């Protein structure tokens, strides 16, 4: 399940950042809906809610893992937005 949600969210961010600049909102929405219709919904979703700021503080202040040091707050905020959208789809 984690891989599915991460993959869906990551795909959504890629679509937003790379395709949205080339497509108007309606085309983007249709393409997104079509692509998401090809992916089966999970049987259950566990959503642990934390703000992008809290996640950023945990990543950079508590965990301090080298591989995570380049994660910007804007990326985490984008993930949060996509997760919120994803949760509406599966509710």
PDB file of N, CA and C in Angstrom:
ATOM      1  N   UNK A   1       0.825  -1.190   0.000  1.00  0.00           N
ATOM      2  CA  UNK A   1       0.000   0.000   0.000  1.00  0.00           C
ATOM      3  C   UNK A   1       0.868   1.253   0.000  1.00  0.00           C
ATOM      4  N   UNK A   2       1.943   1.259   0.774  1.00  0.00           N
ATOM      5  CA  UNK A   2       2.799   2.439   0.830  1.00  0.00           C
ATOM      6  C   UNK A   2       3.349   2.769  -0.542  1.00  0.00           C
ATOM      7  N   UNK A   3       3.797   1.748  -1.263  1.00  0.00           N
ATOM      8  CA  UNK A   3       4.335   1.980  -2.599  1.00  0.00           C
ATOM      9  C   UNK A   3       3.295   2.563  -3.534  1.00  0.00           C
ATOM     10  N   UNK A   4       2.037   2.096  -3.397  1.00  0.00           N
ATOM     11  CA  UNK A   4       0.980   2.625  -4.250  1.00  0.00           C
ATOM     12  C   UNK A   4       0.755   4.097  -3.974  1.00  0.00           C
ATOM     13  N   UNK A   5       0.584   4.464  -2.704  1.00  0.00           N
ATOM     14  CA  UNK A   5       0.306   5.856  -2.430  1.00  0.00           C
ATOM     15  C   UNK A   5       1.488   6.739  -2.781  1.00  0.00           C
ATOM     16  N   UNK A   6       2.700   6.271  -2.464  1.00  0.00           N
ATOM     17  CA  UNK A   6       3.869   7.070  -2.794  1.00  0.00           C
ATOM     18  C   UNK A   6       3.969   7.243  -4.299  1.00  0.00           C
ATOM     19  N   UNK A   7       3.754   6.153  -5.040  1.00  0.00           N
ATOM     20  CA  UNK A   7       3.832   6.234  -6.498  1.00  0.00           C
ATOM     21  C   UNK A   7       2.783   7.156  -7.076  1.00  0.00           C
ATOM     22  N   UNK A   8       1.574   7.091  -6.554  1.00  0.00           N
ATOM     23  CA  UNK A   8       0.503   7.955  -7.032  1.00  0.00           C
ATOM     24  C   UNK A   8       0.805   9.410  -6.727  1.00  0.00           C
ATOM     25  N   UNK A   9       1.260   9.675  -5.519  1.00  0.00           N
ATOM     26  CA  UNK A   9       1.569  11.045  -5.134  1.00  0.00           C
ATOM     27  C   UNK A   9       2.743  11.569  -5.953  1.00  0.00           C
ATOM     28  N   UNK A  10       3.759  10.756  -6.100  1.00  0.00           N
ATOM     29  CA  UNK A  10       4.923  11.174  -6.890  1.00  0.00           C
ATOM     30  C   UNK A  10       4.523  11.448  -8.336  1.00  0.00           C
ATOM     31  N   UNK A  11       3.685  10.586  -8.898  1.00  0.00           N
ATOM     32  CA  UNK A  11       3.217  10.797 -10.269  1.00  0.00           C
ATOM     33  C   UNK A  11       2.421  12.084 -10.366  1.00  0.00           C
ATOM     34  N   UNK A  12       1.616  12.359  -9.351  1.00  0.00           N
ATOM     35  CA  UNK A  12       0.816  13.577  -9.348  1.00  0.00           C
ATOM     36  C   UNK A  12       1.707  14.818  -9.318  1.00  0.00           C
ATOM     37  N   UNK A  13       2.762  14.775  -8.521  1.00  0.00           N
ATOM     38  CA  UNK A  13       3.691  15.910  -8.462  1.00  0.00           C
ATOM     39  C   UNK A  13       4.391  16.087  -9.803  1.00  0.00           C
ATOM     40  N   UNK A  14       4.818  14.994 -10.411  1.00  0.00           N
ATOM     41  CA  UNK A  14       5.474  15.077 -11.714  1.00  0.00           C
ATOM     42  C   UNK A  14       4.521  15.672 -12.745  1.00  0.00           C
ATOM     43  N   UNK A  15       3.276  15.197 -12.749  1.00  0.00           N
ATOM     44  CA  UNK A  15       2.301  15.747 -13.687  1.00  0.00           C
ATOM     45  C   UNK A  15       2.089  17.232 -13.438  1.00  0.00           C
ATOM     46  N   UNK A  16       1.966  17.622 -12.181  1.00  0.00           N
ATOM     47  CA  UNK A  16       1.729  19.033 -11.869  1.00  0.00           C
ATOM     48  C   UNK A  16       2.894  19.904 -12.295  1.00  0.00           C
ATOM     49  N   UNK A  17       4.095  19.478 -11.998  1.00  0.00           N
ATOM     50  CA  UNK A  17       5.236  20.344 -12.260  1.00  0.00           C
ATOM     51  C   UNK A  17       5.675  20.351 -13.713  1.00  0.00           C
ATOM     52  N   UNK A  18       5.562  19.219 -14.397  1.00  0.00           N
ATOM     53  CA  UNK A  18       6.085  19.150 -15.762  1.00  0.00           C
ATOM     54  C   UNK A  18       5.019  19.301 -16.849  1.00  0.00           C
ATOM     55  N   UNK A  19       3.833  18.810 -16.606  1.00  0.00           N
ATOM     56  CA  UNK A  19       2.811  18.882 -17.637  1.00  0.00           C
ATOM     57  C   UNK A  19       1.889  20.079 -17.490  1.00  0.00           C
ATOM     58  N   UNK A  20       1.674  20.515 -16.271  1.00  0.00           N
ATOM     59  CA  UNK A  20       0.724  21.598 -16.063  1.00  0.00           C
ATOM     60  C   UNK A  20       1.157  22.866 -16.787  1.00  0.00           C
ATOM     61  N   UNK A  21       2.453  23.073 -16.874  1.00  0.00           N
ATOM     62  CA  UNK A  21       2.930  24.263 -17.570  1.00  0.00           C
ATOM     63  C   UNK A  21       2.612  24.176 -19.065  1.00  0.00           C
ATOM     64  N   UNK A  22       2.424  22.965 -19.580  1.00  0.00           N
ATOM     65  CA  UNK A  22       2.159  22.786 -21.006  1.00  0.00           C
ATOM     66  C   UNK A  22       0.668  22.615 -21.307  1.00  0.00           C
ATOM     67  N   UNK A  23      -0.095  22.240 -20.329  1.00  0.00           N
ATOM     68  CA  UNK A  23      -1.515  21.961 -20.539  1.00  0.00           C
ATOM     69  C   UNK A  23      -2.371  22.927 -19.741  1.00  0.00           C
ATOM     70  N   UNK A  24      -3.506  23.293 -20.296  1.00  0.00           N
ATOM     71  CA  UNK A  24      -4.428  24.106 -19.508  1.00  0.00           C
ATOM     72  C   UNK A  24      -5.051  23.215 -18.444  1.00  0.00           C
ATOM     73  N   UNK A  25      -5.689  23.794 -17.426  1.00  0.00           N
ATOM     74  CA  UNK A  25      -6.229  23.054 -16.296  1.00  0.00           C
ATOM     75  C   UNK A  25      -7.162  21.918 -16.664  1.00  0.00           C
ATOM     76  N   UNK A  26      -8.033  22.117 -17.646  1.00  0.00           N
ATOM     77  CA  UNK A  26      -8.994  21.081 -18.035  1.00  0.00           C
ATOM     78  C   UNK A  26      -8.286  19.883 -18.636  1.00  0.00           C
ATOM     79  N   UNK A  27      -7.323  20.108 -19.508  1.00  0.00           N
ATOM     80  CA  UNK A  27      -6.574  19.002 -20.112  1.00  0.00           C
ATOM     81  C   UNK A  27      -5.797  18.238 -19.046  1.00  0.00           C
ATOM     82  N   UNK A  28      -5.172  18.969 -18.132  1.00  0.00           N
ATOM     83  CA  UNK A  28      -4.430  18.329 -17.038  1.00  0.00           C
ATOM     84  C   UNK A  28      -5.367  17.465 -16.205  1.00  0.00           C
ATOM     85  N   UNK A  29      -6.529  18.000 -15.855  1.00  0.00           N
ATOM     86  CA  UNK A  29      -7.480  17.256 -15.030  1.00  0.00           C
ATOM     87  C   UNK A  29      -7.953  15.990 -15.732  1.00  0.00           C
ATOM     88  N   UNK A  30      -8.236  16.084 -17.020  1.00  0.00           N
ATOM     89  CA  UNK A  30      -8.675  14.901 -17.768  1.00  0.00           C
ATOM     90  C   UNK A  30      -7.571  13.848 -17.839  1.00  0.00           C
ATOM     91  N   UNK A  31      -6.359  14.288 -18.106  1.00  0.00           N
ATOM     92  CA  UNK A  31      -5.233  13.357 -18.176  1.00  0.00           C
ATOM     93  C   UNK A  31      -5.009  12.701 -16.816  1.00  0.00           C
ATOM     94  N   UNK A  32      -5.057  13.487 -15.746  1.00  0.00           N
ATOM     95  CA  UNK A  32      -4.864  12.950 -14.393  1.00  0.00           C
ATOM     96  C   UNK A  32      -5.935  11.924 -14.068  1.00  0.00           C
ATOM     97  N   UNK A  33      -7.186  12.253 -14.337  1.00  0.00           N
ATOM     98  CA  UNK A  33      -8.280  11.329 -14.048  1.00  0.00           C
ATOM     99  C   UNK A  33      -8.138  10.040 -14.850  1.00  0.00           C
ATOM    100  N   UNK A  34      -7.745  10.162 -16.106  1.00  0.00           N
ATOM    101  CA  UNK A  34      -7.561   8.970 -16.933  1.00  0.00           C
ATOM    102  C   UNK A  34      -6.453   8.083 -16.364  1.00  0.00           C
ATOM    103  N   UNK A  35      -5.314   8.691 -16.040  1.00  0.00           N
ATOM    104  CA  UNK A  35      -4.200   7.912 -15.516  1.00  0.00           C
ATOM    105  C   UNK A  35      -4.544   7.269 -14.174  1.00  0.00           C
ATOM    106  N   UNK A  36      -5.232   8.001 -13.307  1.00  0.00           N
ATOM    107  CA  UNK A  36      -5.616   7.436 -12.015  1.00  0.00           C
ATOM    108  C   UNK A  36      -6.657   6.331 -12.161  1.00  0.00           C
ATOM    109  N   UNK A  37      -7.465   6.384 -13.202  1.00  0.00           N
ATOM    110  CA  UNK A  37      -8.471   5.337 -13.403  1.00  0.00           C
ATOM    111  C   UNK A  37      -7.819   4.000 -13.753  1.00  0.00           C
ATOM    112  N   UNK A  38      -6.575   4.040 -14.202  1.00  0.00           N
ATOM    113  CA  UNK A  38      -5.859   2.819 -14.559  1.00  0.00           C
ATOM    114  C   UNK A  38      -5.230   2.129 -13.346  1.00  0.00           C
ATOM    115  N   UNK A  39      -5.188   2.830 -12.216  1.00  0.00           N
ATOM    116  CA  UNK A  39      -4.554   2.298 -11.012  1.00  0.00           C
ATOM    117  C   UNK A  39      -5.637   1.836 -10.042  1.00  0.00           C
ATOM    118  N   UNK A  40      -5.576   0.579  -9.588  1.00  0.00           N
ATOM    119  CA  UNK A  40      -6.587   0.113  -8.634  1.00  0.00           C
ATOM    120  C   UNK A  40      -6.443   0.827  -7.297  1.00  0.00           C
ATOM    121  N   UNK A  41      -7.574   1.101  -6.646  1.00  0.00           N
ATOM    122  CA  UNK A  41      -7.550   1.734  -5.331  1.00  0.00           C
ATOM    123  C   UNK A  41      -7.140   0.710  -4.281  1.00  0.00           C
ATOM    124  N   UNK A  42      -6.454   1.155  -3.247  1.00  0.00           N
ATOM    125  CA  UNK A  42      -6.067   0.234  -2.179  1.00  0.00           C
ATOM    126  C   UNK A  42      -7.280  -0.175  -1.349  1.00  0.00           C
ATOM    127  N   UNK A  43      -7.154  -1.292  -0.649  1.00  0.00           N
ATOM    128  CA  UNK A  43      -8.227  -1.745   0.234  1.00  0.00           C
ATOM    129  C   UNK A  43      -8.352  -0.870   1.473  1.00  0.00           C
ATOM    130  N   UNK A  44      -7.244  -0.318   1.919  1.00  0.00           N
ATOM    131  CA  UNK A  44      -7.247   0.540   3.107  1.00  0.00           C
ATOM    132  C   UNK A  44      -6.143   1.583   2.963  1.00  0.00           C
ATOM    133  N   UNK A  45      -6.367   2.722   3.596  1.00  0.00           N
ATOM    134  CA  UNK A  45      -5.373   3.790   3.603  1.00  0.00           C
ATOM    135  C   UNK A  45      -5.217   4.279   5.039  1.00  0.00           C
ATOM    136  N   UNK A  46      -3.993   4.325   5.505  1.00  0.00           N
ATOM    137  CA  UNK A  46      -3.701   4.893   6.818  1.00  0.00           C
ATOM    138  C   UNK A  46      -3.004   6.222   6.549  1.00  0.00           C
ATOM    139  N   UNK A  47      -3.626   7.290   7.005  1.00  0.00           N
ATOM    140  CA  UNK A  47      -3.102   8.627   6.732  1.00  0.00           C
ATOM    141  C   UNK A  47      -2.686   9.274   8.043  1.00  0.00           C
ATOM    142  N   UNK A  48      -1.396   9.452   8.225  1.00  0.00           N
ATOM    143  CA  UNK A  48      -0.861  10.111   9.405  1.00  0.00           C
ATOM    144  C   UNK A  48      -0.623  11.571   9.036  1.00  0.00           C
ATOM    145  N   UNK A  49      -1.411  12.450   9.590  1.00  0.00           N
ATOM    146  CA  UNK A  49      -1.410  13.849   9.184  1.00  0.00           C
ATOM    147  C   UNK A  49      -0.409  14.668   9.992  1.00  0.00           C
ATOM    148  N   UNK A  50       0.494  15.323   9.303  1.00  0.00           N
ATOM    149  CA  UNK A  50       1.436  16.271   9.901  1.00  0.00           C
ATOM    150  C   UNK A  50       1.680  17.355   8.860  1.00  0.00           C
ATOM    151  N   UNK A  51       1.826  18.570   9.305  1.00  0.00           N
ATOM    152  CA  UNK A  51       2.045  19.671   8.370  1.00  0.00           C
ATOM    153  C   UNK A  51       3.412  19.530   7.702  1.00  0.00           C
ATOM    154  N   UNK A  52       3.561  20.204   6.584  1.00  0.00           N
ATOM    155  CA  UNK A  52       4.841  20.190   5.867  1.00  0.00           C
ATOM    156  C   UNK A  52       5.949  20.758   6.758  1.00  0.00           C
ATOM    157  N   UNK A  53       5.612  21.761   7.547  1.00  0.00           N
ATOM    158  CA  UNK A  53       6.598  22.378   8.434  1.00  0.00           C
ATOM    159  C   UNK A  53       7.074  21.404   9.515  1.00  0.00           C
ATOM    160  N   UNK A  54       6.146  20.634  10.081  1.00  0.00           N
ATOM    161  CA  UNK A  54       6.504  19.638  11.096  1.00  0.00           C
ATOM    162  C   UNK A  54       7.386  18.560  10.477  1.00  0.00           C
ATOM    163  N   UNK A  55       7.010  18.081   9.295  1.00  0.00           N
ATOM    164  CA  UNK A  55       7.813  17.059   8.614  1.00  0.00           C
ATOM    165  C   UNK A  55       9.211  17.584   8.300  1.00  0.00           C
ATOM    166  N   UNK A  56       9.287  18.827   7.840  1.00  0.00           N
ATOM    167  CA  UNK A  56      10.577  19.439   7.524  1.00  0.00           C
ATOM    168  C   UNK A  56      11.454  19.518   8.776  1.00  0.00           C
ATOM    169  N   UNK A  57      10.854  19.949   9.887  1.00  0.00           N
ATOM    170  CA  UNK A  57      11.605  20.040  11.144  1.00  0.00           C
ATOM    171  C   UNK A  57      12.084  18.662  11.593  1.00  0.00           C
ATOM    172  N   UNK A  58      11.267  17.648  11.417  1.00  0.00           N
ATOM    173  CA  UNK A  58      11.664  16.289  11.803  1.00  0.00           C
ATOM    174  C   UNK A  58      12.794  15.766  10.911  1.00  0.00           C
ATOM    175  N   UNK A  59      12.670  16.022   9.617  1.00  0.00           N
ATOM    176  CA  UNK A  59      13.677  15.539   8.665  1.00  0.00           C
ATOM    177  C   UNK A  59      15.023  16.223   8.894  1.00  0.00           C
ATOM    178  N   UNK A  60      14.990  17.548   9.023  1.00  0.00           N
ATOM    179  CA  UNK A  60      16.238  18.307   9.089  1.00  0.00           C
ATOM    180  C   UNK A  60      16.738  18.547  10.513  1.00  0.00           C
ATOM    181  N   UNK A  61      15.836  18.524  11.498  1.00  0.00           N
ATOM    182  CA  UNK A  61      16.246  18.798  12.872  1.00  0.00           C
ATOM    183  C   UNK A  61      16.460  17.567  13.715  1.00  0.00           C
ATOM    184  N   UNK A  62      15.641  16.543  13.505  1.00  0.00           N
ATOM    185  CA  UNK A  62      15.730  15.336  14.325  1.00  0.00           C
ATOM    186  C   UNK A  62      16.485  14.213  13.635  1.00  0.00           C
ATOM    187  N   UNK A  63      16.064  13.868  12.431  1.00  0.00           N
ATOM    188  CA  UNK A  63      16.627  12.695  11.740  1.00  0.00           C
ATOM    189  C   UNK A  63      18.005  12.974  11.170  1.00  0.00           C
ATOM    190  N   UNK A  64      18.139  14.082  10.507  1.00  0.00           N
ATOM    191  CA  UNK A  64      19.428  14.527   9.942  1.00  0.00           C
ATOM    192  C   UNK A  64      20.116  13.453   9.106  1.00  0.00           C
ATOM    193  N   UNK A  65      19.357  12.776   8.269  1.00  0.00           N
ATOM    194  CA  UNK A  65      19.932  11.768   7.378  1.00  0.00           C
ATOM    195  C   UNK A  65      20.485  12.468   6.137  1.00  0.00           C
ATOM    196  N   UNK A  66      21.674  12.094   5.758  1.00  0.00           N
ATOM    197  CA  UNK A  66      22.323  12.729   4.615  1.00  0.00           C
ATOM    198  C   UNK A  66      21.507  12.640   3.340  1.00  0.00           C
ATOM    199  N   UNK A  67      20.880  11.489   3.124  1.00  0.00           N
ATOM    200  CA  UNK A  67      20.112  11.299   1.896  1.00  0.00           C
ATOM    201  C   UNK A  67      18.849  12.156   1.850  1.00  0.00           C
ATOM    202  N   UNK A  68      18.430  12.687   3.007  1.00  0.00           N
ATOM    203  CA  UNK A  68      17.231  13.532   3.062  1.00  0.00           C
ATOM    204  C   UNK A  68      17.568  15.019   3.185  1.00  0.00           C
ATOM    205  N   UNK A  69      18.826  15.358   3.233  1.00  0.00           N
ATOM    206  CA  UNK A  69      19.229  16.736   3.509  1.00  0.00           C
ATOM    207  C   UNK A  69      18.817  17.730   2.426  1.00  0.00           C
ATOM    208  N   UNK A  70      18.557  17.256   1.228  1.00  0.00           N
ATOM    209  CA  UNK A  70      18.191  18.157   0.136  1.00  0.00           C
ATOM    210  C   UNK A  70      16.695  18.331  -0.063  1.00  0.00           C
ATOM    211  N   UNK A  71      15.883  17.786   0.831  1.00  0.00           N
ATOM    212  CA  UNK A  71      14.421  17.883   0.673  1.00  0.00           C
ATOM    213  C   UNK A  71      13.966  19.270   1.108  1.00  0.00           C
ATOM    214  N   UNK A  72      13.440  20.063   0.168  1.00  0.00           N
ATOM    215  CA  UNK A  72      12.991  21.411   0.519  1.00  0.00           C
ATOM    216  C   UNK A  72      11.566  21.414   1.083  1.00  0.00           C
ATOM    217  N   UNK A  73      11.250  22.453   1.807  1.00  0.00           N
ATOM    218  CA  UNK A  73       9.920  22.610   2.386  1.00  0.00           C
ATOM    219  C   UNK A  73       8.847  22.653   1.294  1.00  0.00           C
ATOM    220  N   UNK A  74       9.144  23.288   0.178  1.00  0.00           N
ATOM    221  CA  UNK A  74       8.170  23.388  -0.919  1.00  0.00           C
ATOM    222  C   UNK A  74       7.785  22.001  -1.442  1.00  0.00           C
ATOM    223  N   UNK A  75       8.734  21.078  -1.497  1.00  0.00           N
ATOM    224  CA  UNK A  75       8.439  19.712  -1.940  1.00  0.00           C
ATOM    225  C   UNK A  75       7.490  19.033  -0.965  1.00  0.00           C
ATOM    226  N   UNK A  76       7.749  19.192   0.328  1.00  0.00           N
ATOM    227  CA  UNK A  76       6.879  18.586   1.342  1.00  0.00           C
ATOM    228  C   UNK A  76       5.480  19.201   1.305  1.00  0.00           C
ATOM    229  N   UNK A  77       5.401  20.496   1.056  1.00  0.00           N
ATOM    230  CA  UNK A  77       4.102  21.149   0.933  1.00  0.00           C
ATOM    231  C   UNK A  77       3.349  20.606  -0.282  1.00  0.00           C
ATOM    232  N   UNK A  78       4.058  20.352  -1.375  1.00  0.00           N
ATOM    233  CA  UNK A  78       3.441  19.760  -2.551  1.00  0.00           C
ATOM    234  C   UNK A  78       2.949  18.350  -2.288  1.00  0.00           C
ATOM    235  N   UNK A  79       3.726  17.577  -1.538  1.00  0.00           N
ATOM    236  CA  UNK A  79       3.297  16.227  -1.155  1.00  0.00           C
ATOM    237  C   UNK A  79       2.014  16.288  -0.330  1.00  0.00           C
ATOM    238  N   UNK A  80       1.974  17.228   0.613  1.00  0.00           N
ATOM    239  CA  UNK A  80       0.786  17.367   1.457  1.00  0.00           C
ATOM    240  C   UNK A  80      -0.443  17.682   0.619  1.00  0.00           C
ATOM    241  N   UNK A  81      -0.286  18.586  -0.332  1.00  0.00           N
ATOM    242  CA  UNK A  81      -1.404  18.952  -1.213  1.00  0.00           C
ATOM    243  C   UNK A  81      -1.884  17.738  -2.017  1.00  0.00           C
ATOM    244  N   UNK A  82      -0.927  16.965  -2.524  1.00  0.00           N
ATOM    245  CA  UNK A  82      -1.286  15.786  -3.302  1.00  0.00           C
ATOM    246  C   UNK A  82      -1.930  14.707  -2.438  1.00  0.00           C
ATOM    247  N   UNK A  83      -1.429  14.512  -1.219  1.00  0.00           N
ATOM    248  CA  UNK A  83      -2.044  13.536  -0.324  1.00  0.00           C
ATOM    249  C   UNK A  83      -3.475  13.938   0.017  1.00  0.00           C
ATOM    250  N   UNK A  84      -3.693  15.230   0.242  1.00  0.00           N
ATOM    251  CA  UNK A  84      -5.048  15.702   0.540  1.00  0.00           C
ATOM    252  C   UNK A  84      -5.977  15.394  -0.633  1.00  0.00           C
ATOM    253  N   UNK A  85      -5.511  15.632  -1.835  1.00  0.00           N
ATOM    254  CA  UNK A  85      -6.286  15.348  -3.043  1.00  0.00           C
ATOM    255  C   UNK A  85      -6.538  13.849  -3.176  1.00  0.00           C
ATOM    256  N   UNK A  86      -5.505  13.045  -2.930  1.00  0.00           N
ATOM    257  CA  UNK A  86      -5.618  11.598  -2.998  1.00  0.00           C
ATOM    258  C   UNK A  86      -6.648  11.087  -1.985  1.00  0.00           C
ATOM    259  N   UNK A  87      -6.617  11.634  -0.786  1.00  0.00           N
ATOM    260  CA  UNK A  87      -7.568  11.199   0.248  1.00  0.00           C
ATOM    261  C   UNK A  87      -9.005  11.482  -0.148  1.00  0.00           C
ATOM    262  N   UNK A  88      -9.229  12.585  -0.840  1.00  0.00           N
ATOM    263  CA  UNK A  88     -10.589  12.895  -1.310  1.00  0.00           C
ATOM    264  C   UNK A  88     -11.037  11.870  -2.346  1.00  0.00           C
ATOM    265  N   UNK A  89     -10.103  11.395  -3.173  1.00  0.00           N
ATOM    266  CA  UNK A  89     -10.427  10.419  -4.223  1.00  0.00           C
ATOM    267  C   UNK A  89     -10.798   9.071  -3.637  1.00  0.00           C
ATOM    268  N   UNK A  90     -10.165   8.670  -2.558  1.00  0.00           N
ATOM    269  CA  UNK A  90     -10.405   7.338  -2.004  1.00  0.00           C
ATOM    270  C   UNK A  90     -11.437   7.320  -0.895  1.00  0.00           C
ATOM    271  N   UNK A  91     -11.931   8.477  -0.531  1.00  0.00           N
ATOM    272  CA  UNK A  91     -12.933   8.535   0.561  1.00  0.00           C
ATOM    273  C   UNK A  91     -14.295   8.101   0.064  1.00  0.00           C
TER     274      UNK A  91
END
